Amino acid sequence: MQGSAMPSLNVPQAQFLAMEHKFRAYVAGFGSGKTWVGSGGLMQHFWEYPRINAGYFAPTYPQIRDIFYPTVDEVAFDWGLKVKVNESNKEVHVFEGRKSRGTIICRSMERPDTIIGFKIGKALCDELDVMKADKAQQAWRKIIARMRYKIDNLKNGVDVTTTPEGFRFVHAQFVKQVSEKPGLGSMYGLIQASTYDNEANLPDDYIDSLFQSYPAQLIDAYLRGQFCNLTSGSVYPEFSRTLNHCNTEIEAGETLYAGSDFNVNNMSAVIYVMRGGRPHAVAERKGVRDTPALADSLKQGFGGHEIIVFPDASGKNTTSKSASVSDLTILQNAGFKIRAKDSNPRVKDRVNAVNALILNGEGERRLMVNTRNCPVLTECLEQQVYDDNGEPDKSSGKDHMCDAAGYPIAYMFPVAKPTATHSTHVPHMHR
């Protein structure tokens, strides 16, 4: 590299950028500097091959806008360069002083069919494993087809930076494929890094907050950067009818929090109270005919209590009783307060939120269940498994009560990735 002091890198980041492979993957936990080091790879490219355009590919456009644009600005500064973001064209122009070093063309991988009509000599695929394996493979093939520069010594290389999300595309491409065909090891290189490797550049409580926020079985993936099977066996593997049991009962006048799942002739509800800021499941309703019947059941069973309902967001549609009245309107007209977002949380996010309260990385159990009062919920938490597609199984009927239980938890206790402090004056803080 010319014209700059050495960039700010931790050890695995430096090892990654030193690799000579055509395809390089940086698989690492949250806060480990994935987008930072990937952006560094782009700057490395522009110092070595000026005016040879590059591409940045993310799962969604909001990620490009909210994560890549501010990060690449800081990283360019760290590498003795500067950038100008053109949001309307989804391009980032890279400069050395006033002299252009090239352009980064930004595209979403959500629609692989839009990755057409340009050529690049370097690519960065960020958070590739967030996507389903088949969609990731489609995007990968489209990106490879863009690598069309014919320049001496130019590898037309692709860098991948991602959190491990189970055994998905990156594991298949960089681990399984290479183990089956060792000759590919000269073309595919992999660095795995943990959040601890970047600890010096993170807020003091960042790692502690990961342990508090995430379920125990995800710590290896999201903190240590390891490939783990996240979609096999039990959906709620740490739930224990002994260790998560409570004897909590409803007290006079207290607020109740009810999660409801809408299914024709088979509605479910789980009723919580809060104790010390933690949810205790104290009652349930199963096999209820329709929404008016559920409303009646809640009013009769819990008269004198304020009831806040966290419904299946699909209830904004007209599914119960009258084609002109939505489930949410029926519940609202019955006198309940409604807490619902425009759409349901992703199934994975809801499951992670529940699992984080069942048992987090610090060994805390914050979701408690009165197993005597909630026998169906208890059985469903124990027995729901993943299907062959890696989704919570719906064929056994164990899903409805778990879904109902999960809506209030995902709303009130969402699993949110801790964020590091951003600073353009201290670039290495943004890793």
Protein backbone atom coordinates (compact mmCIF):
# COMPACT_ATOMS: atom_id res chain seq x y z
CA MET A 1 0.00 0.00 0.00
CA GLN A 2 1.19 3.52 -0.80
CA GLY A 3 0.57 6.95 0.64
CA SER A 4 -0.74 5.97 4.08
CA ALA A 5 0.24 4.73 7.48
CA MET A 6 -0.60 1.10 8.10
CA PRO A 7 -4.35 0.59 8.56
CA SER A 8 -5.87 -0.35 11.92
CA LEU A 9 -6.32 -4.13 12.00
CA ASN A 10 -6.44 -6.81 14.68
CA VAL A 11 -4.55 -10.07 14.19
CA PRO A 12 -7.14 -12.18 12.31
CA GLN A 13 -8.09 -9.17 10.16
CA ALA A 14 -4.44 -8.73 9.14
CA GLN A 15 -4.14 -12.46 8.44
CA PHE A 16 -7.24 -12.30 6.25
CA LEU A 17 -5.98 -9.42 4.10
CA ALA A 18 -2.61 -11.17 3.69
CA MET A 19 -4.20 -14.28 2.16
CA GLU A 20 -3.43 -14.84 -1.52
CA HIS A 21 -6.55 -16.88 -2.32
CA LYS A 22 -8.96 -15.88 -5.08
CA PHE A 23 -11.90 -16.48 -2.72
CA ARG A 24 -11.46 -15.44 0.92
CA ALA A 25 -13.98 -15.84 3.74
CA TYR A 26 -13.91 -14.06 7.10
CA VAL A 27 -16.36 -15.92 9.35
CA ALA A 28 -16.69 -14.30 12.74
CA GLY A 29 -18.94 -13.34 15.64
CA PHE A 30 -20.82 -10.11 16.24
CA GLY A 31 -18.63 -7.07 16.75
CA SER A 32 -15.59 -8.80 15.28
CA GLY A 33 -15.09 -6.27 12.49
CA LYS A 34 -16.43 -8.15 9.48
CA THR A 35 -17.61 -5.20 7.40
CA TRP A 36 -14.52 -3.26 8.53
CA VAL A 37 -12.05 -5.87 7.27
CA GLY A 38 -14.11 -6.50 4.13
CA SER A 39 -14.06 -2.78 3.35
CA GLY A 40 -10.31 -2.90 4.01
CA GLY A 41 -10.06 -5.55 1.30
CA LEU A 42 -11.72 -3.14 -1.12
CA MET A 43 -9.26 -0.37 -0.21
CA GLN A 44 -6.41 -2.86 -0.60
CA HIS A 45 -7.73 -3.55 -4.11
CA PHE A 46 -7.90 0.13 -5.08
CA TRP A 47 -4.32 0.77 -3.96
CA GLU A 48 -3.12 -2.19 -6.04
CA TYR A 49 -5.43 -1.82 -9.08
CA PRO A 50 -6.61 1.79 -9.49
CA ARG A 51 -9.61 2.41 -11.75
CA ILE A 52 -10.63 -1.27 -11.67
CA ASN A 53 -14.16 -1.10 -10.24
CA ALA A 54 -15.31 -3.25 -7.32
CA GLY A 55 -18.66 -4.45 -6.02
CA TYR A 56 -20.27 -4.58 -2.57
CA PHE A 57 -23.16 -7.00 -2.06
CA ALA A 58 -25.39 -7.22 1.02
CA PRO A 59 -28.61 -9.12 1.77
CA THR A 60 -30.70 -5.92 1.72
CA TYR A 61 -30.46 -2.27 0.67
CA PRO A 62 -30.95 -0.98 4.25
CA GLN A 63 -27.76 -2.83 5.21
CA ILE A 64 -25.88 -1.07 2.41
CA ARG A 65 -27.18 2.29 3.58
CA ASP A 66 -26.96 1.83 7.34
CA ILE A 67 -23.83 -0.29 7.71
CA PHE A 68 -21.65 -0.21 4.61
CA TYR A 69 -21.76 3.48 3.71
CA PRO A 70 -20.63 4.77 7.13
CA THR A 71 -18.12 1.93 7.56
CA VAL A 72 -16.44 2.33 4.17
CA ASP A 73 -16.11 6.06 4.83
CA GLU A 74 -14.11 5.40 8.01
CA VAL A 75 -12.11 2.54 6.51
CA ALA A 76 -11.10 4.63 3.48
CA PHE A 77 -9.77 7.32 5.83
CA ASP A 78 -7.85 4.63 7.71
CA TRP A 79 -6.24 3.53 4.43
CA GLY A 80 -5.26 7.04 3.32
CA LEU A 81 -8.18 7.36 0.92
CA LYS A 82 -11.58 9.05 0.95
CA VAL A 83 -14.97 8.21 -0.50
CA LYS A 84 -17.99 9.98 -1.90
CA VAL A 85 -21.27 8.09 -1.57
CA ASN A 86 -23.79 8.45 -4.38
CA GLU A 87 -26.91 6.95 -2.82
CA SER A 88 -29.16 7.47 -5.85
CA ASN A 89 -26.82 5.40 -8.07
CA LYS A 90 -25.85 3.08 -5.18
CA GLU A 91 -22.19 3.76 -5.86
CA VAL A 92 -19.22 4.69 -3.68
CA HIS A 93 -16.47 6.65 -5.44
CA VAL A 94 -12.98 6.21 -3.98
CA PHE A 95 -10.35 8.97 -4.16
CA GLU A 96 -6.70 9.55 -3.31
CA GLY A 97 -6.85 13.29 -2.75
CA ARG A 98 -8.62 14.49 -5.91
CA LYS A 99 -7.47 11.54 -7.97
CA SER A 100 -10.06 8.81 -8.57
CA ARG A 101 -9.04 5.28 -7.57
CA GLY A 102 -12.28 3.68 -8.77
CA THR A 103 -15.93 2.98 -7.93
CA ILE A 104 -17.67 0.45 -5.68
CA ILE A 105 -21.00 -0.65 -7.21
CA CYS A 106 -23.45 -1.64 -4.44
CA ARG A 107 -26.24 -4.16 -4.97
CA SER A 108 -28.68 -6.16 -2.82
CA MET A 109 -28.48 -9.95 -3.00
CA GLU A 110 -32.17 -10.18 -2.14
CA ARG A 111 -32.87 -10.19 -5.88
CA PRO A 112 -29.96 -11.89 -7.64
CA ASP A 113 -31.55 -11.13 -11.02
CA THR A 114 -30.64 -7.44 -10.56
CA ILE A 115 -26.90 -8.21 -10.40
CA ILE A 116 -26.36 -7.55 -14.11
CA GLY A 117 -25.01 -4.95 -16.52
CA PHE A 118 -21.61 -4.07 -15.04
CA LYS A 119 -18.16 -5.56 -14.62
CA ILE A 120 -15.89 -5.54 -11.61
CA GLY A 121 -12.45 -6.87 -10.64
CA LYS A 122 -13.12 -7.31 -6.91
CA ALA A 123 -16.20 -8.15 -4.85
CA LEU A 124 -17.23 -8.15 -1.20
CA CYS A 125 -20.24 -10.26 -0.14
CA ASP A 126 -21.26 -9.15 3.34
CA GLU A 127 -23.35 -11.35 5.69
CA LEU A 128 -23.82 -13.91 2.92
CA ASP A 129 -24.97 -16.65 5.31
CA VAL A 130 -27.91 -14.59 6.55
CA MET A 131 -29.53 -15.68 3.28
CA LYS A 132 -30.92 -19.13 2.62
CA ALA A 133 -28.36 -21.37 0.95
CA ASP A 134 -30.11 -21.56 -2.43
CA LYS A 135 -30.54 -17.77 -2.65
CA ALA A 136 -26.91 -17.26 -1.57
CA GLN A 137 -25.76 -19.63 -4.30
CA GLN A 138 -27.78 -17.76 -6.93
CA ALA A 139 -26.25 -14.46 -5.82
CA TRP A 140 -22.75 -15.98 -5.76
CA ARG A 141 -23.08 -17.19 -9.34
CA LYS A 142 -24.36 -13.81 -10.51
CA ILE A 143 -21.47 -12.03 -8.78
CA ILE A 144 -18.87 -14.40 -10.23
CA ALA A 145 -20.29 -13.61 -13.68
CA ARG A 146 -19.55 -9.90 -13.12
CA MET A 147 -15.82 -10.55 -12.59
CA ARG A 148 -14.78 -9.72 -16.15
CA TYR A 149 -11.61 -7.60 -16.02
CA LYS A 150 -8.63 -9.13 -17.82
CA ILE A 151 -5.62 -7.47 -16.19
CA ASP A 152 -2.20 -8.98 -15.45
CA ASN A 153 -2.07 -10.50 -11.94
CA LEU A 154 -5.66 -9.42 -11.12
CA LYS A 155 -7.42 -12.36 -9.40
CA ASN A 156 -10.99 -11.13 -9.91
CA GLY A 157 -11.33 -12.17 -6.29
CA VAL A 158 -14.34 -12.34 -4.01
CA ASP A 159 -14.19 -11.69 -0.27
CA VAL A 160 -16.97 -13.04 1.97
CA THR A 161 -17.57 -11.65 5.46
CA THR A 162 -20.33 -13.23 7.53
CA THR A 163 -21.58 -14.41 10.87
CA PRO A 164 -21.91 -18.21 10.79
CA GLU A 165 -25.60 -19.10 10.50
CA GLY A 166 -25.37 -22.87 10.73
CA PHE A 167 -24.11 -25.10 7.94
CA ARG A 168 -25.19 -22.92 5.03
CA PHE A 169 -23.59 -21.75 1.79
CA VAL A 170 -20.28 -20.51 3.21
CA HIS A 171 -19.64 -23.77 5.06
CA ALA A 172 -20.51 -25.76 1.93
CA GLN A 173 -18.30 -23.60 -0.30
CA PHE A 174 -15.28 -22.96 1.94
CA VAL A 175 -15.21 -26.01 4.24
CA LYS A 176 -17.12 -29.00 2.86
CA GLN A 177 -16.12 -28.49 -0.78
CA VAL A 178 -12.44 -27.96 0.11
CA SER A 179 -12.36 -31.03 2.37
CA GLU A 180 -13.80 -33.13 -0.47
CA LYS A 181 -11.47 -31.63 -3.11
CA PRO A 182 -8.27 -30.56 -1.32
CA GLY A 183 -6.90 -29.06 -4.55
CA LEU A 184 -9.38 -26.22 -4.11
CA GLY A 185 -7.52 -25.14 -0.95
CA SER A 186 -5.25 -22.95 -3.07
CA MET A 187 -8.30 -21.05 -4.34
CA TYR A 188 -10.49 -20.91 -1.18
CA GLY A 189 -9.16 -19.45 2.07
CA LEU A 190 -11.01 -19.19 5.40
CA ILE A 191 -10.33 -17.21 8.58
CA GLN A 192 -12.57 -17.74 11.62
CA ALA A 193 -12.45 -15.05 14.28
CA SER A 194 -14.24 -14.39 17.55
CA THR A 195 -15.60 -11.25 19.10
CA TYR A 196 -12.79 -11.53 21.66
CA ASP A 197 -10.23 -10.86 18.89
CA ASN A 198 -11.71 -7.38 18.50
CA GLU A 199 -12.41 -6.73 22.20
CA ALA A 200 -10.04 -3.76 22.40
CA ASN A 201 -12.18 -1.88 19.86
CA LEU A 202 -15.55 -2.56 21.49
CA PRO A 203 -17.46 -0.93 24.35
CA ASP A 204 -16.59 -2.43 27.73
CA ASP A 205 -19.99 -4.12 28.14
CA TYR A 206 -20.33 -5.38 24.55
CA ILE A 207 -19.35 -9.02 25.13
CA ASP A 208 -21.24 -9.20 28.44
CA SER A 209 -24.35 -7.95 26.65
CA LEU A 210 -24.04 -10.74 24.07
CA PHE A 211 -24.01 -13.35 26.85
CA GLN A 212 -27.04 -11.69 28.44
CA SER A 213 -28.98 -11.26 25.20
CA TYR A 214 -28.43 -14.52 23.35
CA PRO A 215 -29.44 -18.10 24.07
CA ALA A 216 -26.61 -20.36 25.21
CA GLN A 217 -26.60 -22.52 22.06
CA LEU A 218 -25.92 -19.48 19.82
CA ILE A 219 -22.88 -18.22 21.73
CA ASP A 220 -20.48 -20.48 19.81
CA ALA A 221 -21.75 -19.03 16.52
CA TYR A 222 -22.38 -15.40 17.40
CA LEU A 223 -19.47 -14.85 19.80
CA ARG A 224 -16.85 -17.41 18.78
CA GLY A 225 -17.51 -17.49 15.03
CA GLN A 226 -17.96 -21.27 14.87
CA PHE A 227 -20.17 -23.20 12.45
CA CYS A 228 -22.87 -24.82 14.60
CA ASN A 229 -26.03 -26.72 13.77
CA LEU A 230 -28.65 -24.11 14.63
CA THR A 231 -31.61 -25.91 13.05
CA SER A 232 -31.70 -29.51 14.22
CA GLY A 233 -33.33 -31.33 17.08
CA SER A 234 -35.42 -29.39 19.56
CA VAL A 235 -36.46 -25.81 18.79
CA TYR A 236 -36.19 -24.96 22.51
CA PRO A 237 -33.36 -27.28 23.61
CA GLU A 238 -32.67 -25.69 27.01
CA PHE A 239 -36.26 -25.59 28.28
CA SER A 240 -36.68 -27.59 31.46
CA ARG A 241 -40.02 -28.21 33.17
CA THR A 242 -38.01 -28.27 36.41
CA LEU A 243 -35.53 -25.41 35.99
CA ASN A 244 -37.98 -23.08 34.21
CA HIS A 245 -40.88 -23.96 36.54
CA CYS A 246 -42.52 -21.43 38.82
CA ASN A 247 -45.47 -21.53 41.20
CA THR A 248 -46.56 -18.02 40.22
CA GLU A 249 -50.28 -17.25 40.29
CA ILE A 250 -52.21 -14.19 39.16
CA GLU A 251 -52.66 -11.55 41.85
CA ALA A 252 -55.66 -9.26 42.20
CA GLY A 253 -55.67 -6.26 39.89
CA GLU A 254 -52.38 -6.87 38.13
CA THR A 255 -51.86 -6.38 34.41
CA LEU A 256 -51.87 -9.52 32.26
CA TYR A 257 -49.93 -9.98 29.03
CA ALA A 258 -51.48 -12.41 26.55
CA GLY A 259 -49.95 -13.80 23.37
CA SER A 260 -52.46 -15.14 20.84
CA ASP A 261 -52.07 -17.27 17.73
CA PHE A 262 -54.86 -17.27 15.13
CA ASN A 263 -55.91 -20.57 13.58
CA VAL A 264 -59.35 -21.57 12.36
CA ASN A 265 -61.10 -23.60 15.10
CA ASN A 266 -57.81 -23.90 16.98
CA MET A 267 -56.82 -20.60 18.55
CA SER A 268 -54.20 -20.54 21.29
CA ALA A 269 -53.24 -18.04 23.98
CA VAL A 270 -50.60 -17.82 26.70
CA ILE A 271 -51.11 -15.44 29.61
CA TYR A 272 -48.15 -13.90 31.43
CA VAL A 273 -47.60 -11.79 34.50
CA MET A 274 -44.39 -9.87 35.10
CA ARG A 275 -42.27 -10.57 38.17
CA GLY A 276 -39.14 -8.48 38.60
CA GLY A 277 -39.33 -7.50 34.94
CA ARG A 278 -39.42 -11.14 33.84
CA PRO A 279 -42.33 -12.97 32.19
CA HIS A 280 -44.04 -15.80 34.07
CA ALA A 281 -46.55 -17.88 32.08
CA VAL A 282 -49.47 -18.49 34.41
CA ALA A 283 -52.39 -19.60 32.20
CA GLU A 284 -53.19 -20.82 28.72
CA ARG A 285 -56.09 -21.27 26.33
CA LYS A 286 -56.09 -23.98 23.67
CA GLY A 287 -58.38 -25.14 20.87
CA VAL A 288 -60.56 -22.00 21.02
CA ARG A 289 -63.06 -21.82 18.14
CA ASP A 290 -62.52 -18.24 16.92
CA THR A 291 -61.51 -14.73 18.00
CA PRO A 292 -64.84 -13.72 19.60
CA ALA A 293 -64.74 -16.94 21.63
CA LEU A 294 -61.14 -16.17 22.69
CA ALA A 295 -62.15 -12.65 23.72
CA ASP A 296 -65.02 -14.05 25.80
CA SER A 297 -62.75 -16.62 27.41
CA LEU A 298 -60.21 -13.98 28.44
CA LYS A 299 -62.89 -11.60 29.76
CA GLN A 300 -64.64 -14.30 31.77
CA GLY A 301 -61.49 -15.88 33.09
CA PHE A 302 -59.66 -12.69 34.01
CA GLY A 303 -62.31 -10.09 34.82
CA GLY A 304 -60.98 -7.11 36.74
CA HIS A 305 -57.55 -7.22 35.05
CA GLU A 306 -56.12 -4.97 32.41
CA ILE A 307 -55.18 -7.31 29.56
CA ILE A 308 -52.63 -6.39 26.92
CA VAL A 309 -52.76 -8.72 23.93
CA PHE A 310 -49.79 -9.42 21.66
CA PRO A 311 -51.44 -11.08 18.68
CA ASP A 312 -50.28 -12.81 15.56
CA ALA A 313 -49.85 -9.80 13.24
CA SER A 314 -51.68 -11.68 10.49
CA GLY A 315 -54.80 -10.96 12.55
CA LYS A 316 -54.98 -7.58 10.82
CA ASN A 317 -56.50 -9.60 8.00
CA THR A 318 -60.10 -10.75 8.17
CA THR A 319 -59.95 -14.32 9.45
CA SER A 320 -62.55 -14.64 12.21
CA LYS A 321 -66.31 -14.66 12.34
CA SER A 322 -67.03 -11.78 9.97
CA ALA A 323 -65.31 -11.14 6.67
CA SER A 324 -65.48 -7.41 7.39
CA VAL A 325 -63.97 -7.42 10.88
CA SER A 326 -60.36 -8.30 11.61
CA ASP A 327 -59.21 -10.36 14.58
CA LEU A 328 -57.36 -7.36 16.03
CA THR A 329 -60.46 -5.19 15.80
CA ILE A 330 -62.52 -7.85 17.58
CA LEU A 331 -59.99 -7.99 20.43
CA GLN A 332 -59.80 -4.21 20.61
CA ASN A 333 -63.58 -3.87 20.72
CA ALA A 334 -63.61 -6.38 23.58
CA GLY A 335 -61.65 -3.84 25.64
CA PHE A 336 -58.12 -5.24 25.32
CA LYS A 337 -55.06 -3.16 24.55
CA ILE A 338 -53.27 -4.41 21.43
CA ARG A 339 -49.52 -4.46 20.87
CA ALA A 340 -48.77 -5.56 17.31
CA LYS A 341 -46.31 -4.44 14.67
CA ASP A 342 -47.06 -4.32 10.96
CA SER A 343 -45.75 -7.83 10.46
CA ASN A 344 -44.72 -10.78 12.58
CA PRO A 345 -41.07 -11.03 13.60
CA ARG A 346 -38.98 -13.47 11.60
CA VAL A 347 -39.49 -16.97 12.98
CA LYS A 348 -35.76 -17.19 13.75
CA ASP A 349 -35.86 -13.91 15.72
CA ARG A 350 -38.90 -15.01 17.71
CA VAL A 351 -37.34 -18.40 18.53
CA ASN A 352 -34.07 -16.73 19.53
CA ALA A 353 -35.92 -14.29 21.79
CA VAL A 354 -37.70 -17.14 23.58
CA ASN A 355 -34.53 -19.21 23.86
CA ALA A 356 -32.60 -16.23 25.24
CA LEU A 357 -35.13 -16.00 28.10
CA ILE A 358 -35.22 -19.76 28.65
CA LEU A 359 -31.43 -19.78 29.17
CA ASN A 360 -28.93 -17.13 28.10
CA GLY A 361 -25.15 -17.33 27.74
CA GLU A 362 -24.66 -16.31 31.37
CA GLY A 363 -26.74 -19.22 32.63
CA GLU A 364 -29.76 -17.08 33.59
CA ARG A 365 -33.30 -18.42 33.19
CA ARG A 366 -35.69 -15.51 32.85
CA LEU A 367 -38.74 -17.16 31.25
CA MET A 368 -40.67 -19.05 33.92
CA VAL A 369 -43.68 -21.29 33.36
CA ASN A 370 -46.23 -22.52 35.87
CA THR A 371 -46.17 -26.00 34.36
CA ARG A 372 -49.30 -27.08 36.29
CA ASN A 373 -51.36 -24.22 34.87
CA CYS A 374 -49.75 -24.41 31.40
CA PRO A 375 -49.40 -28.13 30.59
CA VAL A 376 -49.83 -27.70 26.83
CA LEU A 377 -47.23 -24.91 26.61
CA THR A 378 -44.84 -27.01 28.68
CA GLU A 379 -45.26 -30.02 26.40
CA CYS A 380 -44.88 -27.92 23.24
CA LEU A 381 -41.70 -26.22 24.48
CA GLU A 382 -40.30 -29.67 25.27
CA GLN A 383 -41.35 -31.39 22.07
CA GLN A 384 -41.36 -29.02 19.10
CA VAL A 385 -38.53 -29.94 16.69
CA TYR A 386 -37.12 -28.62 13.43
CA ASP A 387 -38.37 -30.09 10.16
CA ASP A 388 -36.25 -31.21 7.21
CA ASN A 389 -36.07 -27.63 5.91
CA GLY A 390 -34.64 -26.31 9.16
CA GLU A 391 -37.92 -24.61 10.15
CA PRO A 392 -39.91 -25.25 13.35
CA ASP A 393 -42.15 -28.24 12.60
CA LYS A 394 -45.85 -27.48 12.15
CA SER A 395 -47.10 -30.98 11.35
CA SER A 396 -47.32 -32.23 14.94
CA GLY A 397 -49.50 -29.40 16.29
CA LYS A 398 -46.79 -28.33 18.75
CA ASP A 399 -46.37 -24.97 17.05
CA HIS A 400 -49.52 -23.01 17.94
CA MET A 401 -48.92 -22.64 21.68
CA CYS A 402 -45.21 -21.91 21.14
CA ASP A 403 -46.13 -19.23 18.60
CA ALA A 404 -48.61 -17.66 21.01
CA ALA A 405 -46.02 -17.70 23.79
CA GLY A 406 -43.41 -16.14 21.53
CA TYR A 407 -45.25 -13.05 20.29
CA PRO A 408 -45.16 -11.11 23.60
CA ILE A 409 -41.54 -12.12 24.22
CA ALA A 410 -40.36 -11.10 20.75
CA TYR A 411 -42.18 -7.76 21.21
CA MET A 412 -41.00 -6.95 24.75
CA PHE A 413 -37.63 -8.74 24.80
CA PRO A 414 -36.37 -8.72 21.20
CA VAL A 415 -32.89 -10.09 20.61
CA ALA A 416 -30.99 -7.10 19.29
CA LYS A 417 -27.36 -7.16 18.31
CA PRO A 418 -25.34 -4.78 20.51
CA THR A 419 -23.71 -2.04 18.46
CA ALA A 420 -20.26 -0.59 18.82
CA THR A 421 -19.73 3.15 19.03
CA HIS A 422 -19.08 4.73 15.64
CA SER A 423 -16.47 7.46 15.33
CA THR A 424 -14.99 9.07 12.25
CA HIS A 425 -12.23 10.56 14.38
CA VAL A 426 -11.12 7.23 15.80
CA PRO A 427 -11.69 4.92 12.83
CA HIS A 428 -10.77 1.70 14.58
CA MET A 429 -13.71 2.12 16.96
CA HIS A 430 -16.04 1.19 14.09
CA ARG A 431 -14.98 -2.37 13.61
